[in-house]
């Protein structure tokens, strides 16, 4: 086995549709082509949108295709402690910071600064001024980040500005 881990992470909001099944099969085949591990992680963290039957229905559909997770099936709703630990680690290393901005305030700041809509203007990068934290953001360095996708080729972006 390689270190490659592929995963399928359905949100249990209804029956699996054709697009989900295509992603399921692609992730499974990609993991197996890399002699890696394939896991299923149920994204059950939005209870108001999740009918009681949906998660089990989706898992039964996956089972009908004879595809099996190489590890026990994970459910996001049981992993809050692990996510908090990871967030605490990022905050402790200075790699994440709290943000008090609303979508509306970000939109207004972008307009005022002449930035494209959707670009976070860095308002809370040095603190929230005591305002309540609404989100956690990654601290990104100035400059271009680059990676190569096997199908799409090289991708470059100045994350701080774009």
Protein backbone atom coordinates (compact mmCIF):
# COMPACT_ATOMS: atom_id res chain seq x y z
CA UNK A 1 0.00 0.00 0.00
CA UNK A 2 1.15 3.51 -0.76
CA UNK A 3 0.52 6.59 1.38
CA UNK A 4 -2.20 7.67 -1.07
CA UNK A 5 -5.62 8.03 0.53
CA UNK A 6 -8.69 8.65 -1.59
CA UNK A 7 -12.08 9.34 -0.14
CA UNK A 8 -15.72 9.72 -0.98
CA UNK A 9 -17.56 12.13 1.29
CA UNK A 10 -21.30 12.29 0.60
CA UNK A 11 -23.59 14.73 2.38
CA UNK A 12 -26.63 12.72 3.48
CA UNK A 13 -29.25 15.10 2.13
CA UNK A 14 -31.04 12.56 -0.11
CA UNK A 15 -30.41 9.70 -2.51
CA UNK A 16 -27.04 9.54 -4.28
CA UNK A 17 -27.42 11.01 -7.78
CA UNK A 18 -25.53 10.19 -10.98
CA UNK A 19 -22.90 12.88 -10.34
CA UNK A 20 -22.22 11.52 -6.87
CA UNK A 21 -21.92 8.01 -8.25
CA UNK A 22 -19.42 9.21 -10.89
CA UNK A 23 -17.31 10.90 -8.17
CA UNK A 24 -17.60 7.79 -6.00
CA UNK A 25 -16.29 5.54 -8.76
CA UNK A 26 -13.56 7.98 -9.81
CA UNK A 27 -12.24 8.35 -6.26
CA UNK A 28 -12.31 4.59 -5.73
CA UNK A 29 -10.51 3.80 -8.98
CA UNK A 30 -7.93 6.55 -8.43
CA UNK A 31 -7.10 5.24 -4.95
CA UNK A 32 -6.79 1.69 -6.25
CA UNK A 33 -4.67 2.79 -9.25
CA UNK A 34 -2.24 4.33 -6.72
CA UNK A 35 -2.31 1.16 -4.62
CA UNK A 36 -3.68 3.38 -1.90
CA UNK A 37 -6.41 3.37 0.70
CA UNK A 38 -10.00 4.37 -0.07
CA UNK A 39 -12.28 5.65 2.68
CA UNK A 40 -15.86 6.80 3.06
CA UNK A 41 -16.47 9.85 5.24
CA UNK A 42 -20.13 10.79 5.72
CA UNK A 43 -20.52 14.60 5.87
CA UNK A 44 -23.33 14.55 8.46
CA UNK A 45 -22.83 18.00 9.96
CA UNK A 46 -25.94 19.81 8.69
CA UNK A 47 -28.82 18.09 10.56
CA UNK A 48 -31.62 20.41 9.31
CA UNK A 49 -30.91 19.30 5.71
CA UNK A 50 -30.41 15.59 6.48
CA UNK A 51 -33.40 13.24 6.41
CA UNK A 52 -33.02 10.42 8.95
CA UNK A 53 -32.92 7.78 6.21
CA UNK A 54 -30.42 9.43 3.84
CA UNK A 55 -27.04 8.32 5.27
CA UNK A 56 -28.00 4.66 5.48
CA UNK A 57 -29.64 4.82 2.04
CA UNK A 58 -26.42 6.22 0.55
CA UNK A 59 -24.28 3.57 2.25
CA UNK A 60 -26.62 0.84 0.98
CA UNK A 61 -26.26 2.22 -2.56
CA UNK A 62 -22.47 2.14 -2.25
CA UNK A 63 -22.69 -1.43 -0.95
CA UNK A 64 -24.87 -2.41 -3.93
CA UNK A 65 -21.93 -1.48 -6.17
CA UNK A 66 -19.69 -3.77 -4.06
CA UNK A 67 -17.36 -0.91 -3.14
CA UNK A 68 -16.03 -1.10 0.41
CA UNK A 69 -14.15 1.41 2.51
CA UNK A 70 -10.66 0.18 3.42
CA UNK A 71 -11.12 1.63 6.90
CA UNK A 72 -14.16 1.97 9.14
CA UNK A 73 -16.65 4.51 7.75
CA UNK A 74 -16.13 7.91 9.34
CA UNK A 75 -18.94 10.26 10.30
CA UNK A 76 -18.03 13.92 10.56
CA UNK A 77 -20.48 14.41 13.43
CA UNK A 78 -18.33 12.20 15.68
CA UNK A 79 -15.06 13.99 14.96
CA UNK A 80 -15.55 17.49 16.42
CA UNK A 81 -12.84 16.92 19.05
CA UNK A 82 -10.30 15.98 16.35
CA UNK A 83 -11.19 19.09 14.32
CA UNK A 84 -10.91 21.32 17.37
CA UNK A 85 -7.50 19.82 18.14
CA UNK A 86 -6.33 20.50 14.58
CA UNK A 87 -7.66 24.08 14.70
CA UNK A 88 -5.98 24.68 18.07
CA UNK A 89 -2.70 23.43 16.58
CA UNK A 90 -2.99 25.82 13.60
CA UNK A 91 -3.84 28.75 15.88
CA UNK A 92 -0.98 27.86 18.23
CA UNK A 93 1.47 27.86 15.31
CA UNK A 94 0.15 31.23 14.11
CA UNK A 95 -1.22 29.70 10.91
CA UNK A 96 -4.89 30.57 11.51
CA UNK A 97 -6.65 33.60 12.95
CA UNK A 98 -10.17 34.59 13.96
CA UNK A 99 -12.27 36.78 11.71
CA UNK A 100 -15.29 38.85 12.74
CA UNK A 101 -16.29 39.93 9.21
CA UNK A 102 -19.67 39.26 7.68
CA UNK A 103 -20.08 38.55 3.97
CA UNK A 104 -21.64 41.98 3.61
CA UNK A 105 -18.70 43.74 5.30
CA UNK A 106 -16.20 41.83 3.12
CA UNK A 107 -18.14 42.83 0.01
CA UNK A 108 -18.10 46.49 1.09
CA UNK A 109 -14.37 46.39 1.91
CA UNK A 110 -13.59 44.84 -1.49
CA UNK A 111 -15.59 47.52 -3.24
CA UNK A 112 -13.86 50.29 -1.27
CA UNK A 113 -10.39 48.86 -1.94
CA UNK A 114 -11.05 48.06 -5.60
CA UNK A 115 -10.53 44.34 -5.00
CA UNK A 116 -12.40 41.65 -6.91
CA UNK A 117 -15.50 40.40 -5.07
CA UNK A 118 -14.76 37.37 -2.92
CA UNK A 119 -11.18 38.36 -2.11
CA UNK A 120 -10.79 38.65 1.63
CA UNK A 121 -9.23 42.11 2.26
CA UNK A 122 -7.39 41.05 5.44
CA UNK A 123 -9.53 43.11 7.79
CA UNK A 124 -9.02 40.86 10.84
CA UNK A 125 -5.51 39.63 10.08
CA UNK A 126 -4.15 41.57 13.08
CA UNK A 127 -7.13 41.07 15.40
CA UNK A 128 -10.87 41.54 15.61
CA UNK A 129 -10.86 44.48 18.00
CA UNK A 130 -12.89 42.44 20.46
CA UNK A 131 -15.67 41.63 17.97
CA UNK A 132 -16.98 38.05 18.09
CA UNK A 133 -15.23 35.55 15.82
CA UNK A 134 -17.44 34.31 12.99
CA UNK A 135 -14.85 32.28 11.07
CA UNK A 136 -11.27 31.06 11.18
CA UNK A 137 -8.94 31.97 8.32
CA UNK A 138 -5.60 30.55 7.22
CA UNK A 139 -2.72 33.00 7.38
CA UNK A 140 -1.23 33.01 3.89
CA UNK A 141 2.09 34.41 2.83
CA UNK A 142 2.52 37.05 0.19
CA UNK A 143 3.42 35.57 -3.20
CA UNK A 144 2.33 32.95 -5.67
CA UNK A 145 1.38 29.42 -4.66
CA UNK A 146 1.80 26.78 -7.35
CA UNK A 147 0.99 23.11 -7.82
CA UNK A 148 0.63 20.72 -10.72
CA UNK A 149 -2.60 18.84 -11.26
CA UNK A 150 -2.26 15.59 -13.20
CA UNK A 151 -5.07 16.52 -15.59
CA UNK A 152 -5.22 20.31 -15.62
CA UNK A 153 -1.49 21.05 -15.47
CA UNK A 154 0.16 23.77 -13.41
CA UNK A 155 -2.01 26.09 -11.36
CA UNK A 156 -0.67 29.34 -9.90
CA UNK A 157 -2.39 31.89 -7.72
CA UNK A 158 -1.48 34.80 -5.49
CA UNK A 159 -3.85 33.67 -2.73
CA UNK A 160 -3.46 36.89 -0.74
CA UNK A 161 -4.67 39.04 -3.65
CA UNK A 162 -6.82 36.84 -5.90
